[in-house]
Every structure is written in C-alpha cells, then in structure tokens.
C-alpha atoms as a PDB file:
ATOM      1  CA  MET A   1     119.394  90.558 104.017  1.00  0.00           C
ATOM      2  CA  GLU A   2     117.164  90.693 100.956  1.00  0.00           C
ATOM      3  CA  LYS A   3     115.946  94.183 100.081  1.00  0.00           C
ATOM      4  CA  TYR A   4     112.278  93.169 100.196  1.00  0.00           C
ATOM      5  CA  LYS A   5     112.549  92.539 103.944  1.00  0.00           C
ATOM      6  CA  ASP A   6     113.739  96.101 104.484  1.00  0.00           C
ATOM      7  CA  ILE A   7     110.874  97.338 102.295  1.00  0.00           C
ATOM      8  CA  GLU A   8     108.344  95.350 104.312  1.00  0.00           C
ATOM      9  CA  ARG A   9     109.846  96.627 107.558  1.00  0.00           C
ATOM     10  CA  SER A  10     109.593 100.224 106.324  1.00  0.00           C
ATOM     11  CA  ILE A  11     105.839  99.811 105.776  1.00  0.00           C
ATOM     12  CA  ILE A  12     105.271  98.425 109.260  1.00  0.00           C
ATOM     13  CA  LYS A  13     107.799 100.585 111.136  1.00  0.00           C
ATOM     14  CA  LYS A  14     108.822 103.879 109.497  1.00  0.00           C
ATOM     15  CA  TYR A  15     105.513 104.400 107.684  1.00  0.00           C
ATOM     16  CA  ARG A  16     103.291 102.770 110.284  1.00  0.00           C
ATOM     17  CA  LYS A  17     101.316 105.963 110.973  1.00  0.00           C
ATOM     18  CA  ASP A  18     101.047 107.329 107.434  1.00  0.00           C
ATOM     19  CA  ILE A  19     100.643 104.109 105.418  1.00  0.00           C
ATOM     20  CA  TRP A  20     100.150 100.888 107.377  1.00  0.00           C
ATOM     21  CA  SER A  21      97.708 102.222 109.996  1.00  0.00           C
ATOM     22  CA  LYS A  22      95.647 104.017 107.353  1.00  0.00           C
ATOM     23  CA  PHE A  23      95.596 100.906 105.184  1.00  0.00           C
ATOM     24  CA  VAL A  24      94.430  98.780 108.126  1.00  0.00           C
ATOM     25  CA  LYS A  25      91.869 101.422 109.119  1.00  0.00           C
ATOM     26  CA  ALA A  26      90.343 101.473 105.626  1.00  0.00           C
ATOM     27  CA  VAL A  27      90.180  97.671 105.502  1.00  0.00           C
ATOM     28  CA  SER A  28      88.476  97.590 108.901  1.00  0.00           C
ATOM     29  CA  GLU A  29      86.251 100.691 108.736  1.00  0.00           C
ATOM     30  CA  TYR A  30      84.876  99.966 105.265  1.00  0.00           C
ATOM     31  CA  GLU A  31      84.847  96.159 105.721  1.00  0.00           C
ATOM     32  CA  LEU A  32      86.949  95.592 102.616  1.00  0.00           C
ATOM     33  CA  ILE A  33      88.345  92.120 103.376  1.00  0.00           C
ATOM     34  CA  SER A  34      86.400  89.278 104.972  1.00  0.00           C
ATOM     35  CA  GLU A  35      87.104  85.705 105.996  1.00  0.00           C
ATOM     36  CA  ASN A  36      87.732  83.373 103.036  1.00  0.00           C
ATOM     37  CA  ASP A  37      87.802  86.165 100.446  1.00  0.00           C
ATOM     38  CA  ASN A  38      89.642  85.378  97.223  1.00  0.00           C
ATOM     39  CA  ILE A  39      91.118  88.681  96.062  1.00  0.00           C
ATOM     40  CA  MET A  40      92.648  89.566  92.721  1.00  0.00           C
ATOM     41  CA  VAL A  41      95.189  92.297  93.464  1.00  0.00           C
ATOM     42  CA  CYS A  42      95.569  94.406  90.325  1.00  0.00           C
ATOM     43  CA  ILE A  43      99.077  95.746  89.756  1.00  0.00           C
ATOM     44  CA  SER A  44      99.488  98.316  86.994  1.00  0.00           C
ATOM     45  CA  GLY A  45     103.225  98.720  87.501  1.00  0.00           C
ATOM     46  CA  GLY A  46     103.022 102.062  89.301  1.00  0.00           C
ATOM     47  CA  LYS A  47     103.931 102.960  92.884  1.00  0.00           C
ATOM     48  CA  ASP A  48     100.354 102.874  94.192  1.00  0.00           C
ATOM     49  CA  SER A  49      99.418  99.372  93.066  1.00  0.00           C
ATOM     50  CA  PHE A  50     102.781  97.881  94.080  1.00  0.00           C
ATOM     51  CA  LEU A  51     102.461  99.395  97.571  1.00  0.00           C
ATOM     52  CA  MET A  52      98.894  98.084  97.796  1.00  0.00           C
ATOM     53  CA  ALA A  53     100.141  94.616  96.870  1.00  0.00           C
ATOM     54  CA  LYS A  54     102.801  94.713  99.611  1.00  0.00           C
ATOM     55  CA  CYS A  55     100.251  95.879 102.205  1.00  0.00           C
ATOM     56  CA  ILE A  56      97.847  93.090 101.275  1.00  0.00           C
ATOM     57  CA  GLN A  57     100.726  90.619 101.351  1.00  0.00           C
ATOM     58  CA  GLU A  58     101.651  91.765 104.874  1.00  0.00           C
ATOM     59  CA  LEU A  59      98.019  91.616 106.012  1.00  0.00           C
ATOM     60  CA  LYS A  60      97.716  88.092 104.650  1.00  0.00           C
ATOM     61  CA  LYS A  61     100.828  87.009 106.582  1.00  0.00           C
ATOM     62  CA  HIS A  62     100.115  88.744 109.871  1.00  0.00           C
ATOM     63  CA  GLY A  63      96.386  89.558 109.947  1.00  0.00           C
ATOM     64  CA  LYS A  64      93.706  87.668 111.850  1.00  0.00           C
ATOM     65  CA  VAL A  65      91.395  87.277 108.836  1.00  0.00           C
ATOM     66  CA  LYS A  66      92.265  84.407 106.502  1.00  0.00           C
ATOM     67  CA  PHE A  67      91.973  85.136 102.788  1.00  0.00           C
ATOM     68  CA  ASP A  68      93.632  84.308  99.470  1.00  0.00           C
ATOM     69  CA  ALA A  69      95.286  86.773  97.091  1.00  0.00           C
ATOM     70  CA  HIS A  70      96.378  86.617  93.449  1.00  0.00           C
ATOM     71  CA  TYR A  71      98.797  89.327  92.292  1.00  0.00           C
ATOM     72  CA  VAL A  72      97.853  89.988  88.683  1.00  0.00           C
ATOM     73  CA  ILE A  73      99.237  92.287  86.009  1.00  0.00           C
ATOM     74  CA  MET A  74      97.413  92.872  82.764  1.00  0.00           C
ATOM     75  CA  ASN A  75      99.699  93.767  79.875  1.00  0.00           C
ATOM     76  CA  PRO A  76      97.654  95.985  77.525  1.00  0.00           C
ATOM     77  CA  GLY A  77     100.595  96.339  75.151  1.00  0.00           C
ATOM     78  CA  TYR A  78     103.460  97.748  77.204  1.00  0.00           C
ATOM     79  CA  SER A  79     106.893  98.032  75.646  1.00  0.00           C
ATOM     80  CA  ASP A  80     109.454  95.362  76.513  1.00  0.00           C
ATOM     81  CA  LYS A  81     111.320  97.960  78.568  1.00  0.00           C
ATOM     82  CA  ASN A  82     108.272  98.637  80.744  1.00  0.00           C
ATOM     83  CA  ILE A  83     107.379  94.961  81.150  1.00  0.00           C
ATOM     84  CA  ASN A  84     110.943  94.225  82.222  1.00  0.00           C
ATOM     85  CA  LEU A  85     110.779  97.036  84.808  1.00  0.00           C
ATOM     86  CA  ILE A  86     107.547  95.591  86.206  1.00  0.00           C
ATOM     87  CA  LYS A  87     109.107  92.129  86.484  1.00  0.00           C
ATOM     88  CA  LYS A  88     112.212  93.570  88.136  1.00  0.00           C
ATOM     89  CA  ASN A  89     110.126  95.437  90.718  1.00  0.00           C
ATOM     90  CA  ALA A  90     107.979  92.386  91.448  1.00  0.00           C
ATOM     91  CA  GLU A  91     111.101  90.319  92.045  1.00  0.00           C
ATOM     92  CA  GLU A  92     112.695  93.020  94.202  1.00  0.00           C
ATOM     93  CA  LEU A  93     109.502  93.356  96.252  1.00  0.00           C
ATOM     94  CA  ASN A  94     109.068  89.562  96.459  1.00  0.00           C
ATOM     95  CA  ILE A  95     105.587  89.636  94.926  1.00  0.00           C
ATOM     96  CA  PRO A  96     104.579  86.486  92.995  1.00  0.00           C
ATOM     97  CA  ILE A  97     102.940  88.096  89.964  1.00  0.00           C
ATOM     98  CA  GLU A  98     100.954  86.585  87.125  1.00  0.00           C
ATOM     99  CA  ILE A  99     100.988  88.522  83.834  1.00  0.00           C
ATOM    100  CA  PHE A 100      98.269  88.044  81.246  1.00  0.00           C
ATOM    101  CA  GLU A 101      98.103  89.654  77.835  1.00  0.00           C
ATOM    102  CA  SER A 102      95.478  91.870  76.205  1.00  0.00           C
ATOM    103  CA  ASN A 103      95.558  93.903  73.008  1.00  0.00           C
ATOM    104  CA  ILE A 104      93.980  97.065  74.392  1.00  0.00           C
ATOM    105  CA  PHE A 105      96.588  99.524  73.103  1.00  0.00           C
ATOM    106  CA  ASP A 106      96.315  98.111  69.572  1.00  0.00           C
ATOM    107  CA  VAL A 107      92.531  98.494  69.608  1.00  0.00           C
ATOM    108  CA  VAL A 108      92.390 101.934  71.233  1.00  0.00           C
ATOM    109  CA  LYS A 109      95.059 103.500  69.006  1.00  0.00           C
ATOM    110  CA  ASN A 110      92.514 103.611  66.177  1.00  0.00           C
ATOM    111  CA  ILE A 111      89.973 105.541  68.270  1.00  0.00           C
ATOM    112  CA  ASP A 112      90.080 109.310  67.814  1.00  0.00           C
ATOM    113  CA  LYS A 113      87.555 110.367  70.467  1.00  0.00           C
ATOM    114  CA  SER A 114      88.129 109.664  74.195  1.00  0.00           C
ATOM    115  CA  PRO A 115      90.740 106.904  73.872  1.00  0.00           C
ATOM    116  CA  CYS A 116      91.395 107.016  77.644  1.00  0.00           C
ATOM    117  CA  TYR A 117      87.729 106.353  78.394  1.00  0.00           C
ATOM    118  CA  MET A 118      87.608 103.389  76.039  1.00  0.00           C
ATOM    119  CA  CYS A 119      90.910 102.061  77.398  1.00  0.00           C
ATOM    120  CA  ALA A 120      89.556 102.199  80.949  1.00  0.00           C
ATOM    121  CA  ARG A 121      86.378 100.366  79.969  1.00  0.00           C
ATOM    122  CA  MET A 122      88.292  97.640  78.176  1.00  0.00           C
ATOM    123  CA  ARG A 123      90.691  97.256  81.100  1.00  0.00           C
ATOM    124  CA  ARG A 124      87.774  96.729  83.486  1.00  0.00           C
ATOM    125  CA  GLY A 125      86.286  94.090  81.206  1.00  0.00           C
ATOM    126  CA  TYR A 126      89.549  92.138  80.969  1.00  0.00           C
ATOM    127  CA  LEU A 127      90.153  92.398  84.729  1.00  0.00           C
ATOM    128  CA  TYR A 128      86.639  91.244  85.625  1.00  0.00           C
ATOM    129  CA  SER A 129      86.960  88.275  83.290  1.00  0.00           C
ATOM    130  CA  LYS A 130      90.346  87.341  84.759  1.00  0.00           C
ATOM    131  CA  ALA A 131      88.959  87.574  88.295  1.00  0.00           C
ATOM    132  CA  LYS A 132      86.137  85.217  87.354  1.00  0.00           C
ATOM    133  CA  GLU A 133      88.656  82.844  85.794  1.00  0.00           C
ATOM    134  CA  LEU A 134      90.648  82.804  89.057  1.00  0.00           C
ATOM    135  CA  GLY A 135      87.507  82.278  91.133  1.00  0.00           C
ATOM    136  CA  CYS A 136      87.919  85.617  92.903  1.00  0.00           C
ATOM    137  CA  ASN A 137      85.096  87.466  94.606  1.00  0.00           C
ATOM    138  CA  LYS A 138      86.963  90.773  94.970  1.00  0.00           C
ATOM    139  CA  ILE A 139      89.225  92.952  92.834  1.00  0.00           C
ATOM    140  CA  SER A 140      91.620  95.250  94.673  1.00  0.00           C
ATOM    141  CA  LEU A 141      92.617  98.558  93.053  1.00  0.00           C
ATOM    142  CA  GLY A 142      95.357 101.003  94.061  1.00  0.00           C
ATOM    143  CA  HIS A 143      93.421 104.283  94.225  1.00  0.00           C
ATOM    144  CA  HIS A 144      94.488 106.488  97.129  1.00  0.00           C
ATOM    145  CA  PHE A 145      93.168 109.437  99.170  1.00  0.00           C
ATOM    146  CA  ASP A 146      94.189 112.054  96.602  1.00  0.00           C
ATOM    147  CA  ASP A 147      92.338 110.163  93.855  1.00  0.00           C
ATOM    148  CA  VAL A 148      89.195 110.365  95.991  1.00  0.00           C
ATOM    149  CA  ILE A 149      89.463 114.134  96.466  1.00  0.00           C
ATOM    150  CA  GLU A 150      90.273 114.791  92.796  1.00  0.00           C
ATOM    151  CA  THR A 151      87.363 112.624  91.626  1.00  0.00           C
ATOM    152  CA  THR A 152      85.004 114.513  93.938  1.00  0.00           C
ATOM    153  CA  LEU A 153      86.006 117.913  92.554  1.00  0.00           C
ATOM    154  CA  LEU A 154      85.939 116.639  88.962  1.00  0.00           C
ATOM    155  CA  SER A 155      82.339 115.538  89.515  1.00  0.00           C
ATOM    156  CA  MET A 156      81.377 118.915  90.926  1.00  0.00           C
ATOM    157  CA  PHE A 157      83.251 121.132  88.457  1.00  0.00           C
ATOM    158  CA  TYR A 158      82.620 119.182  85.257  1.00  0.00           C
ATOM    159  CA  GLY A 159      79.789 116.754  86.037  1.00  0.00           C
ATOM    160  CA  ALA A 160      77.514 119.119  87.978  1.00  0.00           C
ATOM    161  CA  GLU A 161      76.909 116.542  90.699  1.00  0.00           C
ATOM    162  CA  ILE A 162      78.303 115.624  94.088  1.00  0.00           C
ATOM    163  CA  LYS A 163      79.675 112.104  94.100  1.00  0.00           C
ATOM    164  CA  THR A 164      82.959 110.443  94.909  1.00  0.00           C
ATOM    165  CA  MET A 165      85.087 107.356  94.417  1.00  0.00           C
ATOM    166  CA  MET A 166      83.755 104.754  96.864  1.00  0.00           C
ATOM    167  CA  PRO A 167      85.957 102.500  99.048  1.00  0.00           C
ATOM    168  CA  LYS A 168      84.086  99.503  97.685  1.00  0.00           C
ATOM    169  CA  LEU A 169      81.282  98.795  95.249  1.00  0.00           C
ATOM    170  CA  HIS A 170      79.538  95.930  93.535  1.00  0.00           C
ATOM    171  CA  SER A 171      80.330  95.254  89.899  1.00  0.00           C
ATOM    172  CA  GLU A 172      77.365  96.171  87.713  1.00  0.00           C
ATOM    173  CA  ASN A 173      78.095  93.645  84.966  1.00  0.00           C
ATOM    174  CA  PHE A 174      79.762  90.755  86.803  1.00  0.00           C
ATOM    175  CA  GLU A 175      77.546  89.320  89.529  1.00  0.00           C
ATOM    176  CA  GLY A 176      79.305  88.371  92.736  1.00  0.00           C
ATOM    177  CA  LEU A 177      82.328  90.614  92.162  1.00  0.00           C
ATOM    178  CA  GLU A 178      83.256  93.586  94.338  1.00  0.00           C
ATOM    179  CA  LEU A 179      85.848  96.312  93.780  1.00  0.00           C
ATOM    180  CA  ILE A 180      87.818  97.383  96.867  1.00  0.00           C
ATOM    181  CA  ARG A 181      90.294 100.234  97.414  1.00  0.00           C
ATOM    182  CA  PRO A 182      92.492  99.491 100.471  1.00  0.00           C
ATOM    183  CA  LEU A 183      94.671 102.612 100.033  1.00  0.00           C
ATOM    184  CA  TYR A 184      91.561 104.799 100.302  1.00  0.00           C
ATOM    185  CA  LEU A 185      92.933 106.753 103.296  1.00  0.00           C
ATOM    186  CA  VAL A 186      96.611 106.845 102.260  1.00  0.00           C
ATOM    187  CA  LYS A 187      97.943 110.113 100.839  1.00  0.00           C
ATOM    188  CA  GLU A 188      99.952 110.121  97.630  1.00  0.00           C
ATOM    189  CA  SER A 189     102.736 112.187  99.205  1.00  0.00           C
ATOM    190  CA  ASP A 190     103.352 109.392 101.715  1.00  0.00           C
ATOM    191  CA  ILE A 191     103.436 106.789  98.943  1.00  0.00           C
ATOM    192  CA  ILE A 192     106.057 108.891  97.136  1.00  0.00           C
ATOM    193  CA  SER A 193     108.038 109.220 100.373  1.00  0.00           C
ATOM    194  CA  TRP A 194     107.956 105.413 100.847  1.00  0.00           C
ATOM    195  CA  LYS A 195     109.101 104.903  97.260  1.00  0.00           C
ATOM    196  CA  ASN A 196     111.999 107.340  97.598  1.00  0.00           C
ATOM    197  CA  HIS A 197     113.041 106.014 101.008  1.00  0.00           C
ATOM    198  CA  ASN A 198     113.411 102.524  99.545  1.00  0.00           C
ATOM    199  CA  GLU A 199     115.064 103.820  96.351  1.00  0.00           C
ATOM    200  CA  LEU A 200     112.429 102.253  94.137  1.00  0.00           C
ATOM    201  CA  THR A 201     111.608 103.213  90.541  1.00  0.00           C
ATOM    202  CA  PHE A 202     108.173 102.373  89.181  1.00  0.00           C
ATOM    203  CA  LEU A 203     106.314 103.028  85.959  1.00  0.00           C
ATOM    204  CA  ASN A 204     104.973 106.572  85.947  1.00  0.00           C
ATOM    205  CA  CYS A 205     102.770 106.251  82.905  1.00  0.00           C
ATOM    206  CA  ALA A 206     103.285 103.516  80.323  1.00  0.00           C
ATOM    207  CA  CYS A 207     100.431 104.673  78.119  1.00  0.00           C
ATOM    208  CA  LYS A 208     101.340 104.981  74.449  1.00  0.00           C
ATOM    209  CA  PHE A 209      98.897 107.869  74.049  1.00  0.00           C
ATOM    210  CA  THR A 210     100.662 110.100  76.542  1.00  0.00           C
ATOM    211  CA  GLU A 211     103.955 109.186  74.884  1.00  0.00           C
ATOM    212  CA  ASN A 212     102.550 110.555  71.637  1.00  0.00           C
ATOM    213  CA  SER A 213     100.814 113.565  73.234  1.00  0.00           C
ATOM    214  CA  MET A 214      97.406 112.079  72.428  1.00  0.00           C
ATOM    215  CA  ILE A 215      96.191 112.575  75.985  1.00  0.00           C
ATOM    216  CA  ASP A 216      92.467 112.516  76.707  1.00  0.00           C
ATOM    217  CA  GLU A 217      90.703 115.693  77.881  1.00  0.00           C
ATOM    218  CA  ASN A 218      89.692 113.991  81.140  1.00  0.00           C
ATOM    219  CA  ALA A 219      93.342 113.350  81.986  1.00  0.00           C
ATOM    220  CA  SER A 220      94.197 117.033  81.476  1.00  0.00           C
ATOM    221  CA  LYS A 221      91.214 118.003  83.650  1.00  0.00           C
ATOM    222  CA  ARG A 222      92.560 115.813  86.456  1.00  0.00           C
ATOM    223  CA  LYS A 223      95.920 117.587  86.221  1.00  0.00           C
ATOM    224  CA  GLU A 224      94.129 120.915  86.513  1.00  0.00           C
ATOM    225  CA  ILE A 225      92.257 119.701  89.602  1.00  0.00           C
ATOM    226  CA  LYS A 226      95.573 118.653  91.168  1.00  0.00           C
ATOM    227  CA  ARG A 227      96.878 122.172  90.595  1.00  0.00           C
ATOM    228  CA  ILE A 228      93.754 123.735  92.127  1.00  0.00           C
ATOM    229  CA  ILE A 229      94.070 121.562  95.250  1.00  0.00           C
ATOM    230  CA  ARG A 230      97.719 122.542  95.640  1.00  0.00           C
ATOM    231  CA  GLU A 231      96.756 126.218  95.487  1.00  0.00           C
ATOM    232  CA  LEU A 232      93.901 125.762  97.976  1.00  0.00           C
ATOM    233  CA  LYS A 233      96.213 123.991 100.414  1.00  0.00           C
ATOM    234  CA  LYS A 234      98.391 127.095 100.495  1.00  0.00           C
ATOM    235  CA  ILE A 235      95.412 128.919 101.988  1.00  0.00           C
ATOM    236  CA  ASN A 236      94.090 126.040 104.116  1.00  0.00           C
ATOM    237  CA  SER A 237      96.395 123.062 104.667  1.00  0.00           C
ATOM    238  CA  ASN A 238      93.425 120.895 105.732  1.00  0.00           C
ATOM    239  CA  VAL A 239      91.303 121.577 102.683  1.00  0.00           C
ATOM    240  CA  ASP A 240      91.671 118.044 101.276  1.00  0.00           C
ATOM    241  CA  HIS A 241      90.687 116.488 104.607  1.00  0.00           C
ATOM    242  CA  ASN A 242      87.709 118.848 104.855  1.00  0.00           C
ATOM    243  CA  ILE A 243      86.525 117.889 101.372  1.00  0.00           C
ATOM    244  CA  PHE A 244      86.816 114.222 102.318  1.00  0.00           C
ATOM    245  CA  LYS A 245      85.021 114.691 105.644  1.00  0.00           C
ATOM    246  CA  SER A 246      82.195 116.623 103.984  1.00  0.00           C
ATOM    247  CA  LEU A 247      81.394 113.500 101.963  1.00  0.00           C
ATOM    248  CA  ASP A 248      80.830 111.656 105.227  1.00  0.00           C
ATOM    249  CA  ASN A 249      78.867 114.509 106.773  1.00  0.00           C
ATOM    250  CA  VAL A 250      76.165 115.458 104.260  1.00  0.00           C
ATOM    251  CA  ASN A 251      73.373 117.520 105.827  1.00  0.00           C
ATOM    252  CA  LEU A 252      70.288 116.465 103.871  1.00  0.00           C
ATOM    253  CA  ASN A 253      68.309 119.309 105.455  1.00  0.00           C
ATOM    254  CA  CYS A 254      70.388 121.743 103.430  1.00  0.00           C
ATOM    255  CA  ILE A 255      70.528 120.004 100.054  1.00  0.00           C
ATOM    256  CA  LEU A 256      68.396 121.120  97.095  1.00  0.00           C
ATOM    257  CA  GLY A 257      67.972 117.632  95.742  1.00  0.00           C
ATOM    258  CA  THR A 258      69.281 114.082  95.921  1.00  0.00           C
ATOM    259  CA  LYS A 259      69.405 111.209  93.474  1.00  0.00           C
ATOM    260  CA  GLN A 260      69.403 107.531  94.391  1.00  0.00           C
ATOM    261  CA  ASN A 261      69.127 104.595  91.999  1.00  0.00           C
ATOM    262  CA  GLY A 262      68.339 107.056  89.218  1.00  0.00           C
ATOM    263  CA  LEU A 263      65.410 108.671  91.059  1.00  0.00           C
ATOM    264  CA  TYR A 264      65.610 112.402  91.801  1.00  0.00           C
ATOM    265  CA  LYS A 265      64.069 113.828  94.967  1.00  0.00           C
ATOM    266  CA  SER A 266      63.725 117.592  95.544  1.00  0.00           C
ATOM    267  CA  PHE A 267      63.784 119.212  98.975  1.00  0.00           C
ATOM    268  CA  LEU A 268      60.305 120.461  98.094  1.00  0.00           C
ATOM    269  CA  ASN A 269      58.936 116.915  98.345  1.00  0.00           C
ATOM    270  CA  ASN A 270      59.139 117.075 102.135  1.00  0.00           C
ATOM    271  CA  TYR A 271      58.931 120.839 102.555  1.00  0.00           C
ATOM    272  CA  LYS A 272      56.131 121.946 104.834  1.00  0.00           C
ATOM    273  CA  THR A 273      54.848 125.478 104.915  1.00  0.00           C
ATOM    274  CA  LYS A 274      54.663 127.112 108.326  1.00  0.00           C
END
C-alpha cells in the first residue's frame, strides 16, 4: 500500500480528535469553505502547510460541500536541495502541486532594514496575483493555533494593542479574494506528532537570511514569545486556551477604549455619571 494512504488514514483515525476534528470545526464554525469555492492552497514546504493541504484534499474527497482546490508552491529562490525536498514530499503525500517562480530572495537580499517584513509583503503580492490568475476566490494559509496565540501576545507586548490573527479576512488590495486559515484550532504540538508518526521530514526554514544569521527583529521577538508561553504553561497548562478564549469573550464594559475601521472610541463616550 502506498505510504500516502497510511498518512491520510492517520489524519482521519489516529489524529481524528487533535487534528481532523479541529480542522473540520474551524471550517464549519468560521464558515471558511462554501459551495463552489475555488481555493488556492498555499504550500510553503513546511509541516503546517503540507498538513493543511492533506486536510483540504480529504475534505474535498469526503465532504458534503463541493469546491475546487489548487495546490500551489511559490519558489522565492529556494536552493535546489530544498525544492527537491518539497517535490519529494508532495509526491509522497500524493498532492498534485504547481510550482511558480519569483525572485523575492534576490530582491530582499539587498535590503538592510526589515528584510523579513519586505519578504512577507512581496510573497502576499505574488500569491494574490497567482490566485487571480487561477480564478480563485480564496487563499488558504497554514497558520495554526499557536500562531494565533503568539500573534496576540506580540500585538500586546510590542504593538500596544489587543488584536489577533483572524480565521478569515478579506484582501485589502485584491477585491473578491479572501484569506482563510483552516488549521486555526490545531495545535503545533499535534502537527509535530503527526509528522513524526508518519516519519516525514519537511522544510524547517528555507530562508537565506536565517541561513546567514540575518534574521529580522520580529522573528526573534516571536521566538521570545514562544519561550514566554512555555514558561507560563508550567504554571497554568491552560494558559494558551485561556488567551484564545479571551479573544472571543471581550467584555466591552471593562475596556478603556476600542478602535474600529480606524476610529477610536473611549469608554467615556458612553459613561454616565450617577
């Protein structure tokens, strides 16, 4: 039996509770996939995006909602070794990938300040354009539960605001395109467990900047946040879940101020003296 069938079975059977059910719950609860959607599934080469692709593939085969999916990999300038690993994994996982080229690494290598930020912006632009070319209305990204928690704390600690990574959002610059995150409720530890169980090896980080120790400050901040969460979980094992739940349970009666669509509103606006 081909290995990919065992991998698919592991998602549905062994990891049904920790991966498949949470994937399905996110898709349903946040209304991520609708009838006749045309989704561009973005695969970076890492464990998260490859698992996302397999989950979407399984949902397409066995789900009640009919939709189309394109499994796309953008090559920003990976080494031949890394590209070959991506192709090997796609073949082993039985995912029909399409690779398209960009020159992002060549452009960004000449930028001294915030290369990671510029790289991310350029990636989004290329991906949006490719989605439009394919006639897609949605772009699926592999961010998981831990990414959500880390982004929330980064915003609080370094951005002085409370905001998080949303399960879906409209593209600001490409009308008619939505970003969706189907692994929104799946924990990274369970993704790692799935990877190890199936003896899979994915790209960890194929960025040429990290290879040359030219890592962006934001990336080092995210590592620090990961460490802080690990320490907090030693005191309260549910701390990550509590942070997540608090974002869905905001008490506006006890908030100093809110901002929506760029407009700030203080609690004093509706405060009535007794």
